[in-house]
Amino acid sequence: MTKHLTDKVTFRHGATTNNRLVQSPMLTNSGKDDGYVTQDTIDYYAARSQSAGMVIVEYTYVSHAGGPSRSWADDRLQLGLYKDDQKPGFTKLAQVLKKDGNKAILQLVHSGREANYRAKQGEKVYAPSSFDFGFLDYDVEALTDEEVRQVIKDFGAATKRAIDCGFDGVEIHGANHYLLQQFFSAWSNRRTDEWGGQTLDSRMHFILEVTREVFRVVKAYAPKDFIVGYRISPEEIHGDSVGYDYKESNQLIQKLTETFDFDYIHLLLPQYNAKPAGVDQTYAQLTQPCLPAETKLMIVGNVMSEADAQAAMADTDLVAVGRATLIDPQFGLKICEGRGDEIIREISPEQVKKSKLTPGLVNLFSDPKMEPHLPGRESIYPLHEDGSLDKSVLKNGTSAAYNLDAFKK
């Protein structure tokens, strides 16, 4: 059967999206005072209520130590939902995203060793194991067994808050080198306890327990059609150091989808048709056989036009779009109305205002060093605030939500 971007998609628990397009989760650098939603956050997402049939709100940390990461000012932070008094802002966020009948999903994360803002505040930063990572300019502590179990509970508590706030689903963030990926990686997980890196099964253990807690909360408190997804980077290769390869990630995907009734699996790719080194099939083609028929596959990776999105559909059920929706927040609407040729493809000072980019995003993408960049970026160079962008953000390749090269660190 030929798949079209405009097809409605029904998930296994009954939720239906208006098309196969998804807005990828992307850091807006719009939070403040330890992760609270701001008016900039609301305005940005309100402008994107028609960007796709489903919008995944940027990675939101579930524990105090789980973020912020990749932030450079007190009023340009990653969002957090680890306290009840943060719920009113997220409730408004869900409302503005759903106002045109599309779905709002909240991505949940613990940043682990990437919670660099905590380090700047003189607080501890945690990871599965403690050693010299080389690329970090601060020390990292290994989580104790008790702390690991608390993080698991925190994912459940954040899921309950997302339900209370009116989101249509949650996505568990197991990619971008954040804590779940850190536990799965043989390179970063050097523990010797039950959460340890000695075997593939032991490196899966933390992920499976986080997922178990999320599903426990969903089944207890969420509507029956509540959507649950999992995002994964299909490989982690640091030169000669291999955290895991696509064969191991597919084993994890198979274990997750055999054990839990996921609505979708979200592959984070550098390019939507990327292939592992020396392999003829794409990552998406290699993953499809691992999924039960009821679980959808979503891929993201440098989809910048309707033609890109349609080409990506060959290997997947859902296509996630990132930077293109930053430029034109009506990306999905225009495709669904047969006006794909009207999608605005380059950023400009005028489009910055129309698309309601947050001040944090404007400063990020107006920096000449920013990669990957927005087409037309030269026109917004004058908007850059010299010196306000933390050098560590650029050193690490950019904010992880935008980093197309998901396999580097």
Protein backbone atom coordinates (compact mmCIF):
# COMPACT_ATOMS: atom_id res chain seq x y z
CA MET A 1 0.00 0.00 0.00
CA THR A 2 1.34 3.43 -0.97
CA LYS A 3 1.78 5.72 1.99
CA HIS A 4 1.09 9.44 1.76
CA LEU A 5 2.12 12.22 4.11
CA THR A 6 -1.52 13.24 4.38
CA ASP A 7 -2.72 9.83 5.60
CA LYS A 8 -4.38 9.69 8.99
CA VAL A 9 -2.50 7.40 11.39
CA THR A 10 -4.20 5.37 14.13
CA PHE A 11 -2.00 4.11 16.95
CA ARG A 12 -2.50 0.80 18.72
CA HIS A 13 -4.43 2.32 21.65
CA GLY A 14 -6.84 4.30 19.47
CA ALA A 15 -5.27 7.74 19.13
CA THR A 16 -5.39 9.14 15.60
CA THR A 17 -3.20 11.82 14.06
CA ASN A 18 -4.30 13.91 11.08
CA ASN A 19 -1.22 13.07 8.99
CA ARG A 20 2.11 11.24 9.06
CA LEU A 21 4.14 14.34 9.92
CA VAL A 22 5.63 14.98 13.36
CA GLN A 23 7.47 18.01 14.68
CA SER A 24 10.66 16.70 16.19
CA PRO A 25 11.52 17.64 19.81
CA MET A 26 13.94 20.59 19.74
CA LEU A 27 15.40 22.62 22.57
CA THR A 28 13.98 26.16 22.56
CA ASN A 29 16.20 27.60 25.31
CA SER A 30 13.13 29.39 26.64
CA GLY A 31 12.78 28.13 30.21
CA LYS A 32 13.74 30.11 33.29
CA ASP A 33 14.13 29.78 37.05
CA ASP A 34 15.04 26.09 36.90
CA GLY A 35 12.97 24.96 33.93
CA TYR A 36 9.67 26.81 34.13
CA VAL A 37 7.68 27.48 30.94
CA THR A 38 7.75 31.15 29.89
CA GLN A 39 5.65 33.27 27.57
CA ASP A 40 8.36 32.79 24.95
CA THR A 41 7.80 29.03 25.25
CA ILE A 42 4.04 29.42 24.86
CA ASP A 43 4.33 31.77 21.88
CA TYR A 44 6.77 29.46 20.08
CA TYR A 45 4.58 26.36 20.45
CA ALA A 46 1.33 28.22 19.79
CA ALA A 47 2.78 29.20 16.41
CA ARG A 48 3.44 25.51 15.68
CA SER A 49 0.03 24.02 16.41
CA GLN A 50 -0.27 23.31 12.66
CA SER A 51 3.33 22.30 11.96
CA ALA A 52 2.48 18.59 11.97
CA GLY A 53 -0.16 16.07 13.02
CA MET A 54 1.81 15.54 16.21
CA VAL A 55 4.25 17.88 17.98
CA ILE A 56 6.79 16.47 20.43
CA VAL A 57 7.73 19.10 23.00
CA GLU A 58 11.44 19.40 23.66
CA TYR A 59 13.30 17.21 26.14
CA THR A 60 12.02 17.99 29.63
CA TYR A 61 14.01 16.84 32.63
CA VAL A 62 12.37 14.70 35.29
CA SER A 63 14.77 15.13 38.23
CA HIS A 64 16.53 18.12 39.78
CA ALA A 65 19.90 16.70 38.73
CA GLY A 66 18.56 15.67 35.33
CA GLY A 67 19.03 19.12 33.79
CA PRO A 68 19.36 21.78 32.63
CA SER A 69 21.80 20.87 29.91
CA ARG A 70 23.20 22.96 27.06
CA SER A 71 21.91 26.22 28.47
CA TRP A 72 23.93 29.38 28.83
CA ALA A 73 21.82 31.90 30.77
CA ASP A 74 19.35 31.84 33.65
CA ASP A 75 16.49 32.88 31.37
CA ARG A 76 17.38 30.52 28.50
CA LEU A 77 17.11 27.12 30.09
CA GLN A 78 15.97 23.65 29.20
CA LEU A 79 12.42 22.92 30.44
CA GLY A 80 11.82 20.79 33.52
CA LEU A 81 8.73 19.07 34.96
CA TYR A 82 9.98 17.64 38.24
CA LYS A 83 7.86 19.81 40.55
CA ASP A 84 4.10 20.21 40.76
CA ASP A 85 4.27 23.99 40.59
CA GLN A 86 5.71 23.67 37.07
CA LYS A 87 2.45 22.11 35.87
CA PRO A 88 0.47 25.30 35.10
CA GLY A 89 2.97 26.33 32.41
CA PHE A 90 2.91 22.90 30.80
CA THR A 91 -0.88 22.86 30.91
CA LYS A 92 -0.92 26.06 28.85
CA LEU A 93 1.64 24.50 26.52
CA ALA A 94 -0.53 21.44 25.87
CA GLN A 95 -3.57 23.64 25.31
CA VAL A 96 -1.98 25.86 22.67
CA LEU A 97 -0.54 22.90 20.82
CA LYS A 98 -3.88 21.07 20.68
CA LYS A 99 -6.00 24.08 19.66
CA ASP A 100 -6.09 23.00 15.98
CA GLY A 101 -6.79 19.32 16.59
CA ASN A 102 -3.24 17.98 16.49
CA LYS A 103 -1.51 15.86 19.14
CA ALA A 104 0.86 17.15 21.84
CA ILE A 105 3.54 14.77 23.15
CA LEU A 106 6.01 15.58 25.94
CA GLN A 107 9.53 14.16 25.71
CA LEU A 108 10.96 13.13 29.10
CA VAL A 109 14.66 12.94 29.87
CA HIS A 110 17.38 12.78 32.48
CA SER A 111 20.47 14.40 31.00
CA GLY A 112 22.95 12.49 33.17
CA ARG A 113 26.49 13.67 32.55
CA GLU A 114 25.21 16.36 30.14
CA ALA A 115 23.56 18.42 32.92
CA ASN A 116 26.29 21.03 32.55
CA TYR A 117 24.24 23.86 34.01
CA ARG A 118 24.23 22.09 37.37
CA ALA A 119 28.02 22.00 37.22
CA LYS A 120 28.08 25.74 36.55
CA GLN A 121 25.96 26.18 39.67
CA GLY A 122 28.48 24.18 41.71
CA GLU A 123 26.14 21.19 42.02
CA LYS A 124 26.87 17.53 41.38
CA VAL A 125 26.42 15.95 37.95
CA TYR A 126 25.67 12.23 37.68
CA ALA A 127 26.23 9.37 35.25
CA PRO A 128 26.18 5.56 35.36
CA SER A 129 29.95 5.56 35.98
CA SER A 130 32.56 8.10 37.03
CA PHE A 131 35.73 8.52 34.96
CA ASP A 132 37.47 11.15 32.88
CA PHE A 133 35.22 11.70 29.88
CA GLY A 134 37.75 14.01 28.27
CA PHE A 135 35.23 16.35 26.66
CA LEU A 136 33.71 17.54 29.95
CA ASP A 137 35.23 20.36 31.97
CA TYR A 138 33.62 19.20 35.23
CA ASP A 139 33.60 16.06 37.39
CA VAL A 140 30.85 13.45 37.21
CA GLU A 141 29.68 11.16 40.02
CA ALA A 142 28.37 7.63 39.59
CA LEU A 143 24.75 7.21 40.66
CA THR A 144 24.25 5.01 43.70
CA ASP A 145 21.75 2.16 43.58
CA GLU A 146 19.32 4.24 45.62
CA GLU A 147 19.74 7.20 43.26
CA VAL A 148 19.16 5.00 40.20
CA ARG A 149 15.88 3.79 41.71
CA GLN A 150 14.85 7.37 42.49
CA VAL A 151 15.40 8.45 38.88
CA ILE A 152 13.12 5.60 37.80
CA LYS A 153 10.41 6.94 40.14
CA ASP A 154 11.02 10.45 38.81
CA PHE A 155 10.19 9.33 35.27
CA GLY A 156 6.89 7.97 36.59
CA ALA A 157 6.12 11.17 38.50
CA ALA A 158 6.86 13.32 35.44
CA THR A 159 4.60 11.07 33.35
CA LYS A 160 1.76 11.62 35.83
CA ARG A 161 2.31 15.39 35.62
CA ALA A 162 2.24 15.21 31.80
CA ILE A 163 -1.09 13.38 32.01
CA ASP A 164 -2.45 15.96 34.46
CA CYS A 165 -1.35 18.76 32.12
CA GLY A 166 -3.37 17.35 29.23
CA PHE A 167 -0.66 15.99 26.96
CA ASP A 168 -1.70 13.24 24.55
CA GLY A 169 1.38 11.18 25.25
CA VAL A 170 4.99 11.03 26.36
CA GLU A 171 8.21 10.06 24.63
CA ILE A 172 10.98 8.43 26.67
CA HIS A 173 14.27 9.97 25.56
CA GLY A 174 16.88 7.26 25.11
CA ALA A 175 19.05 9.09 22.55
CA ASN A 176 21.45 12.04 22.21
CA HIS A 177 23.90 10.61 24.79
CA TYR A 178 21.58 11.36 27.72
CA LEU A 179 21.20 9.12 30.77
CA LEU A 180 19.29 6.20 29.25
CA GLN A 181 21.76 5.97 26.40
CA GLN A 182 24.62 6.33 28.88
CA PHE A 183 23.36 3.24 30.70
CA PHE A 184 23.00 1.31 27.44
CA SER A 185 26.50 2.22 26.26
CA ALA A 186 29.31 -0.22 27.03
CA TRP A 187 31.67 2.76 26.82
CA SER A 188 29.97 4.93 29.44
CA ASN A 189 28.43 2.21 31.65
CA ARG A 190 31.27 0.52 33.54
CA ARG A 191 29.29 -0.56 36.58
CA THR A 192 29.51 -4.01 38.11
CA ASP A 193 26.12 -4.12 39.88
CA GLU A 194 22.74 -5.05 38.41
CA TRP A 195 22.70 -1.79 36.43
CA GLY A 196 26.14 -2.57 35.05
CA GLY A 197 27.79 -2.77 31.68
CA GLN A 198 29.06 -6.33 31.71
CA THR A 199 26.37 -7.76 29.42
CA LEU A 200 23.87 -6.37 26.95
CA ASP A 201 21.01 -7.48 29.19
CA SER A 202 22.46 -5.66 32.20
CA ARG A 203 22.89 -2.48 30.15
CA MET A 204 19.21 -2.73 29.15
CA HIS A 205 18.06 -3.08 32.75
CA PHE A 206 17.76 0.60 33.66
CA ILE A 207 15.91 1.40 30.43
CA LEU A 208 13.47 -1.44 30.99
CA GLU A 209 12.76 -0.33 34.56
CA VAL A 210 12.20 3.30 33.53
CA THR A 211 9.83 2.07 30.85
CA ARG A 212 8.04 -0.22 33.27
CA GLU A 213 7.40 2.71 35.62
CA VAL A 214 6.17 4.97 32.82
CA PHE A 215 3.72 2.32 31.59
CA ARG A 216 2.56 1.61 35.16
CA VAL A 217 1.61 5.26 35.58
CA VAL A 218 0.04 5.47 32.12
CA LYS A 219 -2.17 2.44 32.71
CA ALA A 220 -3.21 3.76 36.12
CA TYR A 221 -3.96 7.38 35.26
CA ALA A 222 -3.99 8.14 31.53
CA PRO A 223 -6.81 7.94 28.98
CA LYS A 224 -6.85 4.64 27.07
CA ASP A 225 -5.57 6.28 23.88
CA PHE A 226 -2.55 7.89 25.57
CA ILE A 227 0.52 7.60 23.32
CA VAL A 228 3.91 6.29 24.51
CA GLY A 229 7.03 6.36 22.35
CA TYR A 230 10.75 5.75 22.75
CA ARG A 231 13.54 7.69 21.03
CA ILE A 232 16.86 5.98 20.32
CA SER A 233 20.13 6.74 18.58
CA PRO A 234 20.73 3.50 16.63
CA GLU A 235 24.51 3.55 17.10
CA GLU A 236 27.10 5.03 19.42
CA ILE A 237 30.57 4.91 17.92
CA HIS A 238 33.43 7.12 19.16
CA GLY A 239 36.23 6.23 16.77
CA ASP A 240 37.68 3.04 18.19
CA SER A 241 35.39 3.19 21.22
CA VAL A 242 32.04 1.56 20.51
CA GLY A 243 29.20 2.06 22.95
CA TYR A 244 26.86 -0.10 20.87
CA ASP A 245 26.08 -0.77 17.23
CA TYR A 246 22.81 -1.02 15.30
CA LYS A 247 22.55 -4.76 15.95
CA GLU A 248 22.56 -4.17 19.71
CA SER A 249 20.14 -1.23 19.50
CA ASN A 250 17.77 -3.39 17.48
CA GLN A 251 17.96 -6.02 20.21
CA LEU A 252 16.96 -3.32 22.70
CA ILE A 253 14.11 -2.16 20.46
CA GLN A 254 12.89 -5.74 20.12
CA LYS A 255 13.03 -6.26 23.90
CA LEU A 256 11.18 -2.99 24.55
CA THR A 257 8.40 -3.68 22.07
CA GLU A 258 7.99 -7.32 23.13
CA THR A 259 7.71 -6.33 26.79
CA PHE A 260 5.69 -3.11 26.51
CA ASP A 261 2.96 -1.96 24.15
CA PHE A 262 4.75 1.04 22.66
CA ASP A 263 2.85 3.12 20.14
CA TYR A 264 6.01 4.07 18.28
CA ILE A 265 9.79 3.89 18.17
CA HIS A 266 11.61 7.07 17.12
CA LEU A 267 14.96 6.65 15.34
CA LEU A 268 17.29 9.63 15.58
CA LEU A 269 19.37 9.71 12.39
CA PRO A 270 21.94 12.07 10.87
CA GLN A 271 20.05 11.73 7.57
CA TYR A 272 16.66 10.08 7.03
CA ASN A 273 18.15 7.51 4.61
CA ALA A 274 21.39 6.94 6.54
CA LYS A 275 22.97 3.48 6.56
CA PRO A 276 25.44 1.84 8.96
CA ALA A 277 28.99 1.65 7.65
CA GLY A 278 29.38 -1.22 5.20
CA VAL A 279 25.65 -2.07 5.13
CA ASP A 280 23.34 -1.70 2.12
CA GLN A 281 20.11 -1.19 4.08
CA THR A 282 19.10 1.99 5.89
CA TYR A 283 18.75 2.08 9.66
CA ALA A 284 15.00 2.31 9.21
CA GLN A 285 14.93 -0.78 6.97
CA LEU A 286 17.00 -2.69 9.50
CA THR A 287 14.71 -1.69 12.37
CA GLN A 288 11.32 -2.43 10.79
CA PRO A 289 11.57 -6.26 11.18
CA CYS A 290 12.20 -5.80 14.92
CA LEU A 291 8.84 -4.11 15.48
CA PRO A 292 5.47 -5.76 16.03
CA ALA A 293 2.82 -4.71 13.53
CA GLU A 294 1.09 -2.59 16.19
CA THR A 295 4.14 -0.38 16.84
CA LYS A 296 4.82 2.46 14.39
CA LEU A 297 8.28 3.54 13.26
CA MET A 298 9.21 7.22 13.22
CA ILE A 299 12.43 8.59 11.75
CA VAL A 300 14.04 12.02 11.86
CA GLY A 301 17.07 13.29 9.99
CA ASN A 302 17.54 16.38 7.83
CA VAL A 303 14.03 16.49 6.35
CA MET A 304 13.87 20.03 4.98
CA SER A 305 11.14 19.89 2.32
CA GLU A 306 7.99 18.07 1.21
CA ALA A 307 10.12 16.08 -1.23
CA ASP A 308 12.44 14.99 1.60
CA ALA A 309 9.48 14.00 3.75
CA GLN A 310 7.90 11.96 0.96
CA ALA A 311 11.20 10.23 0.22
CA ALA A 312 11.60 9.36 3.90
CA MET A 313 8.14 7.75 3.90
CA ALA A 314 9.50 4.81 1.91
CA ASP A 315 11.05 3.32 5.05
CA THR A 316 8.79 4.46 7.87
CA ASP A 317 5.28 5.17 9.18
CA LEU A 318 5.91 8.67 10.54
CA VAL A 319 8.34 11.39 9.45
CA ALA A 320 9.65 13.83 12.04
CA VAL A 321 10.72 17.28 10.86
CA GLY A 322 12.98 19.59 12.85
CA ARG A 323 14.72 22.68 11.50
CA ALA A 324 12.25 23.14 8.65
CA THR A 325 9.50 23.81 11.20
CA LEU A 326 11.68 26.42 12.88
CA ILE A 327 11.70 28.36 9.62
CA ASP A 328 8.08 27.70 8.63
CA PRO A 329 5.75 26.68 11.48
CA GLN A 330 3.03 25.85 8.92
CA PHE A 331 5.16 23.16 7.27
CA GLY A 332 2.59 20.41 7.81
CA LEU A 333 -0.47 22.54 7.13
CA LYS A 334 0.85 23.64 3.75
CA ILE A 335 1.57 20.05 2.71
CA CYS A 336 -1.87 18.87 3.81
CA GLU A 337 -3.52 21.70 1.86
CA GLY A 338 -1.53 20.91 -1.28
CA ARG A 339 0.65 23.99 -0.88
CA GLY A 340 4.00 22.32 -0.24
CA ASP A 341 5.60 24.59 -2.82
CA GLU A 342 4.76 27.54 -0.56
CA ILE A 343 6.84 26.29 2.37
CA ILE A 344 9.35 28.97 3.34
CA ARG A 345 12.80 27.43 3.04
CA GLU A 346 15.09 30.17 4.38
CA ILE A 347 15.22 32.11 7.61
CA SER A 348 15.16 35.92 7.57
CA PRO A 349 14.62 38.68 10.14
CA GLU A 350 11.00 38.88 9.00
CA GLN A 351 10.54 35.12 9.32
CA VAL A 352 12.13 35.12 12.77
CA LYS A 353 9.23 37.32 13.92
CA LYS A 354 6.53 35.41 12.04
CA SER A 355 7.73 32.03 13.29
CA LYS A 356 7.99 33.24 16.91
CA LEU A 357 11.51 31.93 17.43
CA THR A 358 12.52 32.35 21.04
CA PRO A 359 15.37 34.76 21.92
CA GLY A 360 17.48 31.73 22.80
CA LEU A 361 16.94 30.18 19.37
CA VAL A 362 17.56 33.44 17.57
CA ASN A 363 20.90 33.80 19.33
CA LEU A 364 21.79 30.17 18.66
CA PHE A 365 21.06 30.18 14.95
CA SER A 366 22.42 33.67 14.29
CA ASP A 367 25.85 32.56 15.43
CA PRO A 368 28.09 32.00 12.35
CA LYS A 369 29.64 28.96 14.06
CA MET A 370 26.33 27.15 14.53
CA GLU A 371 26.03 23.77 12.83
CA PRO A 372 23.74 22.46 11.56
CA HIS A 373 22.52 25.86 10.46
CA LEU A 374 19.32 27.30 9.08
CA PRO A 375 19.39 28.13 5.37
CA GLY A 376 19.54 31.92 4.96
CA ARG A 377 21.37 32.34 8.25
CA GLU A 378 23.57 35.16 6.92
CA SER A 379 20.54 37.46 7.03
CA ILE A 380 20.19 37.06 10.80
CA TYR A 381 23.85 37.35 11.81
CA PRO A 382 23.21 40.93 13.05
CA LEU A 383 20.74 39.50 15.60
CA HIS A 384 23.47 37.59 17.42
CA GLU A 385 24.41 38.73 20.92
CA ASP A 386 28.17 38.50 20.98
CA GLY A 387 29.58 36.53 23.86
CA SER A 388 26.30 35.20 25.24
CA LEU A 389 26.60 31.76 23.67
CA ASP A 390 28.53 29.46 25.97
CA LYS A 391 31.58 28.05 24.20
CA SER A 392 30.89 24.61 25.61
CA VAL A 393 27.69 24.46 23.56
CA LEU A 394 29.65 24.96 20.36
CA LYS A 395 32.42 22.65 21.53
CA ASN A 396 29.92 19.83 21.85
CA GLY A 397 28.61 20.40 18.35
CA THR A 398 25.51 22.42 19.28
CA SER A 399 22.46 21.84 21.39
CA ALA A 400 21.81 18.11 21.19
CA ALA A 401 18.25 18.58 19.98
CA TYR A 402 19.64 19.99 16.74
CA ASN A 403 22.74 17.88 16.36
CA LEU A 404 22.30 15.87 13.16
CA ASP A 405 25.49 13.97 13.83
CA ALA A 406 23.92 11.92 16.58
CA PHE A 407 26.81 9.49 16.66
CA LYS A 408 29.53 11.93 17.71
CA LYS A 409 30.39 13.46 21.02
